[in-house]
């Protein structure tokens, strides 16, 4: 985020020094003086603490709190999955993905029965709040779906001030008019921005950071982007996890199909975390589990195996769907951005980031014991402030979460 655009007219030595000072403040945040008195978990870095679905799919005016361990619960059709989809969409936009890749089927998210306005426009509105060193920072987006997919309005606010606004001025063009807070000799800077990218994510390349106002804008924008980019979406696919895989792929993919390659890496490079994973497997898998490892097949591919009593090895392909999903989710909770296939904010040290894992259907194929073990593991790992889990679950799992210290269950009613 701190790279400088070659065409940036503000790329002066003074601006560079100011930017470096600001980046250091964003990395370190306020000094730590011990755990909060109320026992709340303090995050290592900026995190999303609220999701707003003003008009999105089945949601209208929905505001969802997001804590260190959050489950969205409710009956079928209550909007659990669409809430998580909105979170993922904001994360991808924060990472710089274009709008048409984030929403390949945007019509699905236009609120039902939402008719076009007098100009034939229809769309949806989503937003979030990121909390960190810059305080609570709000991002709100208005996305037009018809007649053409584009971001027609964006607002970034913090500290009681509007820091960035964008608006569509020319429906025939491919840009929006942006205005950001300057608080210098010119109170507001105006410039066009692409209508298919998140303007907040572009600000570090466009704002010099030479005035107090510009520094506030950049601190807020970078806090929001770091919070959104520190997200890993996990969708374990048991049918894909059973097949042997090539070695050397040490970053776990979204569907966890390269589980064996990642187990080889954790076994050789992360002994302590691997030992915790073995303990988690022993608690949630059937039979006795003494170890987890890999074996190399004659064709050179790797196959994950479970070590039983007497050194007997069971290929993970023989495990049930629930056991495979449980094993993959436990692995994700015990690793970090360096082991997960994600675009983390490389400019900020991992120790100053908080990873958020998104899981739709956390309890899918799992029994009650496995759900309880995963919730306890998420709460334990999350107590360090480096990991958060946000997922959806059916009522049985939600009931277990209500009895888990530090967990928040958000009920989405009719």
Protein backbone atom coordinates (compact mmCIF):
# COMPACT_ATOMS: atom_id res chain seq x y z
CA UNK A 1 0.00 0.00 0.00
CA UNK A 2 2.91 2.33 0.54
CA UNK A 3 4.22 2.11 -3.04
CA UNK A 4 4.29 5.46 -4.78
CA UNK A 5 2.73 5.99 -8.17
CA UNK A 6 5.33 7.39 -10.65
CA UNK A 7 2.85 10.07 -11.75
CA UNK A 8 2.20 11.24 -8.18
CA UNK A 9 3.05 14.98 -8.21
CA UNK A 10 3.37 14.98 -4.40
CA UNK A 11 6.25 12.46 -4.33
CA UNK A 12 8.59 14.77 -2.43
CA UNK A 13 11.14 13.82 0.28
CA UNK A 14 8.91 15.52 2.85
CA UNK A 15 5.91 13.47 1.72
CA UNK A 16 7.95 10.28 1.85
CA UNK A 17 9.08 11.02 5.42
CA UNK A 18 5.53 11.81 6.47
CA UNK A 19 4.29 8.59 4.87
CA UNK A 20 6.90 6.50 6.65
CA UNK A 21 5.97 8.06 10.00
CA UNK A 22 2.31 7.39 9.32
CA UNK A 23 2.95 3.77 8.31
CA UNK A 24 4.89 3.18 11.51
CA UNK A 25 1.98 4.53 13.53
CA UNK A 26 -0.47 2.29 11.70
CA UNK A 27 1.76 -0.76 12.28
CA UNK A 28 2.34 -0.25 15.96
CA UNK A 29 -0.80 1.52 17.10
CA UNK A 30 -1.13 2.83 20.63
CA UNK A 31 1.16 1.37 23.30
CA UNK A 32 -0.08 -1.79 24.98
CA UNK A 33 -0.51 -1.67 28.71
CA UNK A 34 -1.87 -5.17 29.31
CA UNK A 35 -5.24 -6.79 28.72
CA UNK A 36 -8.35 -4.64 28.94
CA UNK A 37 -10.01 -4.59 32.35
CA UNK A 38 -13.25 -5.97 30.94
CA UNK A 39 -11.46 -9.08 29.66
CA UNK A 40 -12.12 -8.33 25.98
CA UNK A 41 -9.66 -9.59 23.41
CA UNK A 42 -7.47 -6.85 21.95
CA UNK A 43 -6.68 -7.39 18.28
CA UNK A 44 -3.11 -7.24 17.03
CA UNK A 45 -4.14 -5.12 14.06
CA UNK A 46 -7.13 -3.39 12.47
CA UNK A 47 -10.28 -5.53 12.29
CA UNK A 48 -13.80 -5.28 10.91
CA UNK A 49 -16.16 -4.82 13.85
CA UNK A 50 -19.45 -4.13 12.05
CA UNK A 51 -21.04 -5.22 8.79
CA UNK A 52 -23.83 -3.14 7.27
CA UNK A 53 -26.22 -4.50 4.65
CA UNK A 54 -28.34 -1.47 3.87
CA UNK A 55 -29.87 -3.12 0.80
CA UNK A 56 -28.33 -6.45 -0.17
CA UNK A 57 -30.10 -9.66 -1.22
CA UNK A 58 -32.73 -10.31 1.49
CA UNK A 59 -31.28 -7.69 3.84
CA UNK A 60 -32.56 -4.15 4.33
CA UNK A 61 -31.11 -1.94 7.02
CA UNK A 62 -29.26 -4.88 8.62
CA UNK A 63 -26.39 -4.07 11.00
CA UNK A 64 -24.31 -7.02 12.21
CA UNK A 65 -21.70 -6.81 14.99
CA UNK A 66 -18.50 -8.75 14.33
CA UNK A 67 -16.40 -9.99 17.24
CA UNK A 68 -13.40 -12.32 17.68
CA UNK A 69 -15.65 -15.39 17.30
CA UNK A 70 -18.92 -14.66 15.54
CA UNK A 71 -21.57 -16.98 14.13
CA UNK A 72 -24.52 -15.84 12.03
CA UNK A 73 -27.47 -18.09 12.84
CA UNK A 74 -31.07 -18.32 11.69
CA UNK A 75 -33.53 -20.34 9.71
CA UNK A 76 -33.00 -21.18 6.06
CA UNK A 77 -33.45 -18.09 3.94
CA UNK A 78 -32.65 -15.70 6.78
CA UNK A 79 -29.61 -14.31 4.95
CA UNK A 80 -26.73 -15.98 6.80
CA UNK A 81 -24.75 -16.86 3.66
CA UNK A 82 -25.43 -13.55 1.93
CA UNK A 83 -24.11 -11.68 4.97
CA UNK A 84 -20.86 -13.64 4.74
CA UNK A 85 -20.83 -13.07 0.97
CA UNK A 86 -21.00 -9.31 1.53
CA UNK A 87 -18.04 -9.53 3.94
CA UNK A 88 -16.02 -11.50 1.39
CA UNK A 89 -16.92 -9.00 -1.35
CA UNK A 90 -15.67 -6.08 0.72
CA UNK A 91 -12.47 -8.00 1.46
CA UNK A 92 -11.83 -8.65 -2.22
CA UNK A 93 -12.53 -5.03 -3.15
CA UNK A 94 -10.12 -3.97 -0.42
CA UNK A 95 -7.49 -6.21 -2.02
CA UNK A 96 -7.95 -4.40 -5.34
CA UNK A 97 -10.12 -6.91 -7.23
CA UNK A 98 -12.32 -5.33 -9.93
CA UNK A 99 -16.05 -5.17 -9.35
CA UNK A 100 -17.06 -7.60 -12.11
CA UNK A 101 -14.79 -10.31 -10.68
CA UNK A 102 -16.12 -9.79 -7.17
CA UNK A 103 -19.75 -9.89 -8.36
CA UNK A 104 -19.94 -12.16 -11.44
CA UNK A 105 -23.72 -12.47 -10.85
CA UNK A 106 -24.63 -9.07 -9.37
CA UNK A 107 -28.37 -9.41 -10.04
CA UNK A 108 -28.52 -12.02 -7.27
CA UNK A 109 -27.75 -9.34 -4.67
CA UNK A 110 -30.23 -6.68 -5.74
CA UNK A 111 -32.96 -6.71 -3.07
CA UNK A 112 -36.04 -8.62 -4.15
CA UNK A 113 -38.85 -6.40 -5.44
CA UNK A 114 -36.46 -3.46 -5.72
CA UNK A 115 -37.70 -1.67 -8.82
CA UNK A 116 -35.62 0.68 -10.95
CA UNK A 117 -35.65 4.41 -10.33
CA UNK A 118 -36.78 6.98 -12.88
CA UNK A 119 -33.47 6.55 -14.73
CA UNK A 120 -33.73 2.76 -14.86
CA UNK A 121 -31.08 2.12 -12.19
CA UNK A 122 -31.06 -0.77 -9.72
CA UNK A 123 -28.37 -1.91 -7.31
CA UNK A 124 -27.39 -2.65 -3.71
CA UNK A 125 -25.62 -1.00 -0.75
CA UNK A 126 -23.15 -2.54 1.70
CA UNK A 127 -20.59 -1.25 4.18
CA UNK A 128 -18.50 -2.00 7.24
CA UNK A 129 -16.60 -0.45 10.15
CA UNK A 130 -12.92 -1.15 10.78
CA UNK A 131 -11.50 -0.43 14.24
CA UNK A 132 -7.81 0.18 14.88
CA UNK A 133 -5.24 2.89 15.69
CA UNK A 134 -7.23 5.48 13.71
CA UNK A 135 -10.37 4.73 15.74
CA UNK A 136 -13.61 3.46 14.16
CA UNK A 137 -13.58 4.06 10.39
CA UNK A 138 -16.73 3.53 8.29
CA UNK A 139 -16.88 2.51 4.65
CA UNK A 140 -20.16 2.57 2.72
CA UNK A 141 -20.68 1.58 -0.92
CA UNK A 142 -23.50 2.01 -3.41
CA UNK A 143 -23.19 -0.42 -6.32
CA UNK A 144 -25.25 0.01 -9.46
CA UNK A 145 -26.15 -3.22 -11.24
CA UNK A 146 -28.41 -1.88 -13.99
CA UNK A 147 -28.00 -0.49 -16.56
CA UNK A 148 -24.27 -1.16 -16.02
CA UNK A 149 -22.28 -2.62 -13.11
CA UNK A 150 -20.27 0.11 -11.36
CA UNK A 151 -19.57 1.69 -7.98
CA UNK A 152 -21.65 4.85 -8.06
CA UNK A 153 -21.04 6.06 -4.51
CA UNK A 154 -18.41 5.52 -1.84
CA UNK A 155 -18.01 7.21 1.51
CA UNK A 156 -15.17 6.85 4.02
CA UNK A 157 -15.69 8.53 7.39
CA UNK A 158 -13.77 8.66 10.64
CA UNK A 159 -13.43 10.91 13.66
CA UNK A 160 -16.68 12.65 12.81
CA UNK A 161 -15.36 13.75 9.39
CA UNK A 162 -16.08 12.69 5.85
CA UNK A 163 -12.67 11.70 4.52
CA UNK A 164 -13.58 10.46 1.03
CA UNK A 165 -16.68 10.63 -1.13
CA UNK A 166 -17.26 9.54 -4.70
CA UNK A 167 -20.22 10.19 -6.95
CA UNK A 168 -21.17 9.34 -10.51
CA UNK A 169 -21.24 12.53 -12.58
CA UNK A 170 -21.18 11.20 -16.14
CA UNK A 171 -23.21 8.01 -16.73
CA UNK A 172 -21.50 7.62 -20.10
CA UNK A 173 -17.97 7.55 -18.65
CA UNK A 174 -16.07 4.91 -16.69
CA UNK A 175 -15.03 7.08 -13.74
CA UNK A 176 -16.54 8.64 -10.64
CA UNK A 177 -15.71 12.02 -9.19
CA UNK A 178 -13.79 11.62 -5.94
CA UNK A 179 -13.20 14.23 -3.24
CA UNK A 180 -10.98 13.67 -0.23
CA UNK A 181 -10.23 15.72 2.85
CA UNK A 182 -7.06 17.84 2.66
CA UNK A 183 -7.32 20.49 5.41
CA UNK A 184 -4.57 22.53 3.78
CA UNK A 185 -4.67 25.63 1.62
CA UNK A 186 -7.17 23.65 -0.46
CA UNK A 187 -9.70 22.01 1.92
CA UNK A 188 -10.73 19.26 -0.52
CA UNK A 189 -8.90 17.56 -3.39
CA UNK A 190 -10.95 16.35 -6.34
CA UNK A 191 -9.96 13.82 -8.99
CA UNK A 192 -11.55 11.08 -11.10
CA UNK A 193 -11.25 7.44 -9.96
CA UNK A 194 -12.21 4.23 -11.78
CA UNK A 195 -15.80 3.14 -11.20
CA UNK A 196 -14.90 -0.57 -10.93
CA UNK A 197 -12.34 -0.35 -8.10
CA UNK A 198 -12.60 0.58 -4.44
CA UNK A 199 -11.49 4.20 -4.14
CA UNK A 200 -10.36 3.73 -0.53
CA UNK A 201 -7.80 1.16 -1.67
CA UNK A 202 -6.43 3.62 -4.25
CA UNK A 203 -5.93 6.52 -1.83
CA UNK A 204 -2.41 5.52 -0.64
CA UNK A 205 -1.29 5.96 -4.26
CA UNK A 206 -3.04 9.31 -4.74
CA UNK A 207 -2.65 11.21 -1.46
CA UNK A 208 0.70 12.74 -0.53
CA UNK A 209 0.31 12.86 3.24
CA UNK A 210 1.83 16.33 3.63
CA UNK A 211 -0.97 17.93 5.66
CA UNK A 212 -2.64 16.86 8.87
CA UNK A 213 -5.86 16.27 6.97
CA UNK A 214 -4.16 14.12 4.37
CA UNK A 215 -2.51 12.07 7.10
CA UNK A 216 -5.91 11.41 8.67
CA UNK A 217 -7.29 10.31 5.30
CA UNK A 218 -4.38 7.95 4.70
CA UNK A 219 -4.41 6.49 8.21
CA UNK A 220 -8.13 5.75 7.87
CA UNK A 221 -7.81 4.32 4.36
CA UNK A 222 -4.87 2.10 5.24
CA UNK A 223 -6.58 0.88 8.38
CA UNK A 224 -9.65 -0.11 6.38
CA UNK A 225 -7.61 -1.81 3.66
CA UNK A 226 -5.45 -3.77 6.12
CA UNK A 227 -8.57 -4.94 7.99
CA UNK A 228 -10.25 -6.07 4.76
CA UNK A 229 -7.21 -7.71 3.18
CA UNK A 230 -6.44 -9.79 6.29
CA UNK A 231 -9.21 -12.26 5.40
CA UNK A 232 -9.08 -15.92 4.36
CA UNK A 233 -12.22 -17.59 3.03
CA UNK A 234 -12.22 -21.30 3.87
CA UNK A 235 -14.48 -23.74 2.00
CA UNK A 236 -13.13 -27.27 2.61
CA UNK A 237 -14.15 -29.69 -0.15
CA UNK A 238 -13.72 -33.26 1.18
CA UNK A 239 -14.08 -34.86 -2.25
CA UNK A 240 -11.05 -32.89 -3.44
CA UNK A 241 -9.01 -33.36 -0.27
CA UNK A 242 -8.82 -37.13 -0.75
CA UNK A 243 -6.67 -37.06 -3.88
CA UNK A 244 -2.83 -37.10 -3.70
CA UNK A 245 -1.16 -33.78 -4.59
CA UNK A 246 2.24 -32.59 -5.82
CA UNK A 247 4.73 -31.54 -3.17
CA UNK A 248 6.00 -28.01 -2.69
CA UNK A 249 2.57 -26.35 -2.55
CA UNK A 250 2.92 -25.13 1.00
CA UNK A 251 0.08 -22.56 1.04
CA UNK A 252 -3.36 -23.94 1.82
CA UNK A 253 -5.92 -23.13 -0.83
CA UNK A 254 -9.48 -22.04 -0.24
CA UNK A 255 -10.96 -25.51 -0.83
CA UNK A 256 -8.13 -27.20 1.14
CA UNK A 257 -7.53 -29.71 -1.66
CA UNK A 258 -3.75 -29.46 -1.15
CA UNK A 259 -3.98 -30.48 2.51
CA UNK A 260 -1.20 -33.08 2.17
CA UNK A 261 1.35 -30.54 0.89
CA UNK A 262 0.57 -28.17 3.76
CA UNK A 263 0.79 -30.97 6.33
CA UNK A 264 4.26 -31.76 5.01
CA UNK A 265 5.23 -28.14 5.57
CA UNK A 266 3.78 -27.86 9.08
CA UNK A 267 5.37 -31.16 10.11
CA UNK A 268 8.85 -30.02 9.07
CA UNK A 269 8.71 -26.26 9.77
CA UNK A 270 6.07 -25.63 12.46
CA UNK A 271 6.58 -28.31 15.10
CA UNK A 272 4.60 -26.64 17.87
CA UNK A 273 1.60 -25.84 15.67
CA UNK A 274 1.72 -29.30 14.14
CA UNK A 275 1.62 -30.84 17.62
CA UNK A 276 -1.49 -28.78 18.41
CA UNK A 277 -3.04 -29.95 15.15
CA UNK A 278 -2.39 -33.58 16.08
CA UNK A 279 -4.04 -32.96 19.46
CA UNK A 280 -7.04 -31.38 17.73
CA UNK A 281 -7.27 -34.36 15.35
CA UNK A 282 -7.17 -36.75 18.28
CA UNK A 283 -10.05 -34.87 19.91
CA UNK A 284 -12.25 -34.67 16.83
CA UNK A 285 -11.52 -37.73 14.68
CA UNK A 286 -12.77 -41.27 15.23
CA UNK A 287 -10.36 -43.79 16.70
CA UNK A 288 -6.93 -43.18 18.14
CA UNK A 289 -4.78 -40.52 16.48
CA UNK A 290 -1.07 -40.51 17.31
CA UNK A 291 0.16 -38.31 14.51
CA UNK A 292 -0.48 -36.67 11.14
CA UNK A 293 1.92 -36.85 8.24
CA UNK A 294 2.38 -37.57 4.56
CA UNK A 295 3.76 -40.38 2.49
CA UNK A 296 5.26 -40.06 -0.95
CA UNK A 297 3.74 -42.35 -3.55
CA UNK A 298 5.70 -44.02 -6.39
CA UNK A 299 4.55 -41.33 -8.83
CA UNK A 300 6.00 -38.62 -6.55
CA UNK A 301 2.67 -37.31 -5.29
CA UNK A 302 1.96 -36.78 -1.59
CA UNK A 303 -0.83 -38.45 0.35
CA UNK A 304 -1.87 -37.29 3.82
CA UNK A 305 -2.07 -40.03 6.45
CA UNK A 306 -3.23 -40.43 10.03
CA UNK A 307 -0.95 -42.42 12.34
CA UNK A 308 -2.79 -44.86 14.61
CA UNK A 309 -1.61 -47.15 17.41
CA UNK A 310 1.32 -49.37 16.48
CA UNK A 311 2.39 -47.04 13.70
CA UNK A 312 -0.50 -48.01 11.43
CA UNK A 313 -1.12 -45.35 8.76
CA UNK A 314 -4.62 -44.55 7.54
CA UNK A 315 -4.86 -42.43 4.35
CA UNK A 316 -7.03 -39.37 4.97
CA UNK A 317 -9.01 -40.41 1.91
CA UNK A 318 -10.66 -43.00 4.13
CA UNK A 319 -11.88 -40.41 6.61
CA UNK A 320 -15.47 -39.23 6.52
CA UNK A 321 -16.50 -35.85 5.10
CA UNK A 322 -17.00 -34.43 8.58
CA UNK A 323 -13.57 -35.56 9.74
CA UNK A 324 -11.89 -34.03 6.68
CA UNK A 325 -13.72 -30.72 7.09
CA UNK A 326 -12.89 -30.70 10.79
CA UNK A 327 -9.22 -31.41 10.10
CA UNK A 328 -8.99 -28.67 7.46
CA UNK A 329 -10.69 -26.06 9.67
CA UNK A 330 -8.44 -26.93 12.62
CA UNK A 331 -5.40 -26.53 10.37
CA UNK A 332 -6.58 -23.08 9.24
CA UNK A 333 -7.16 -21.94 12.82
CA UNK A 334 -3.67 -23.04 13.84
CA UNK A 335 -1.77 -21.45 10.95
CA UNK A 336 -1.40 -17.90 9.67
CA UNK A 337 -1.19 -15.82 6.48
CA UNK A 338 2.18 -17.36 5.58
CA UNK A 339 0.61 -20.81 5.31
CA UNK A 340 -2.69 -19.74 3.70
CA UNK A 341 -3.15 -18.82 0.05
CA UNK A 342 -4.23 -15.23 0.62
CA UNK A 343 -3.15 -11.71 -0.33
CA UNK A 344 -2.21 -10.34 3.07
CA UNK A 345 -0.99 -6.78 3.57
CA UNK A 346 2.73 -7.43 3.03
CA UNK A 347 3.61 -3.87 4.05
CA UNK A 348 2.50 -4.56 7.62
CA UNK A 349 4.35 -7.21 9.68
CA UNK A 350 2.23 -10.30 10.34
CA UNK A 351 2.64 -9.70 14.08
CA UNK A 352 0.69 -6.45 13.59
CA UNK A 353 -2.17 -8.08 11.67
CA UNK A 354 -5.24 -9.99 12.75
CA UNK A 355 -6.33 -12.75 10.40
CA UNK A 356 -10.08 -13.19 9.95
CA UNK A 357 -11.28 -16.59 8.72
CA UNK A 358 -14.66 -16.71 6.96
CA UNK A 359 -16.48 -20.07 6.92
CA UNK A 360 -19.94 -20.53 5.46
CA UNK A 361 -21.55 -23.56 7.10
CA UNK A 362 -19.02 -24.03 9.89
CA UNK A 363 -20.92 -27.03 11.24
CA UNK A 364 -21.60 -28.71 7.89
CA UNK A 365 -21.09 -32.52 8.18
CA UNK A 366 -19.73 -32.10 11.73
CA UNK A 367 -21.07 -33.77 14.86
CA UNK A 368 -21.58 -31.96 18.15
CA UNK A 369 -18.21 -32.98 19.56
CA UNK A 370 -16.35 -31.65 16.51
CA UNK A 371 -18.25 -28.36 16.60
CA UNK A 372 -17.44 -27.93 20.30
CA UNK A 373 -13.75 -28.66 19.69
CA UNK A 374 -13.54 -26.17 16.82
CA UNK A 375 -15.26 -23.45 18.82
CA UNK A 376 -12.93 -24.03 21.77
CA UNK A 377 -9.91 -24.00 19.46
CA UNK A 378 -11.05 -20.76 17.78
CA UNK A 379 -11.60 -19.12 21.16
CA UNK A 380 -8.19 -20.29 22.42
CA UNK A 381 -6.23 -19.20 19.36
CA UNK A 382 -8.26 -15.99 19.07
CA UNK A 383 -7.41 -14.98 22.64
CA UNK A 384 -3.98 -13.88 21.39
CA UNK A 385 -5.64 -11.22 19.22
CA UNK A 386 -4.14 -12.60 15.99
CA UNK A 387 -7.13 -14.57 14.68
CA UNK A 388 -10.87 -14.07 14.35
CA UNK A 389 -13.47 -16.50 13.06
CA UNK A 390 -16.69 -15.39 11.40
CA UNK A 391 -19.03 -18.06 10.09
CA UNK A 392 -22.56 -19.27 9.61
CA UNK A 393 -24.11 -22.20 11.45
CA UNK A 394 -27.36 -24.00 12.12
CA UNK A 395 -29.14 -23.63 15.43
CA UNK A 396 -27.53 -26.64 17.14
CA UNK A 397 -24.04 -25.24 16.59
CA UNK A 398 -25.22 -21.75 17.52
CA UNK A 399 -26.51 -23.11 20.82
CA UNK A 400 -23.07 -24.55 21.55
CA UNK A 401 -21.47 -21.23 20.63
CA UNK A 402 -23.70 -19.38 23.09
CA UNK A 403 -22.03 -21.40 25.83
CA UNK A 404 -18.50 -20.69 24.56
CA UNK A 405 -16.67 -17.88 26.31
CA UNK A 406 -15.91 -15.02 23.93
CA UNK A 407 -18.32 -16.18 21.21
CA UNK A 408 -21.02 -13.97 19.71
CA UNK A 409 -24.10 -15.42 18.01
CA UNK A 410 -25.99 -13.04 15.74
CA UNK A 411 -29.53 -14.31 15.14
CA UNK A 412 -30.96 -13.37 11.76
CA UNK A 413 -34.68 -13.59 12.16
CA UNK A 414 -37.40 -13.23 9.53
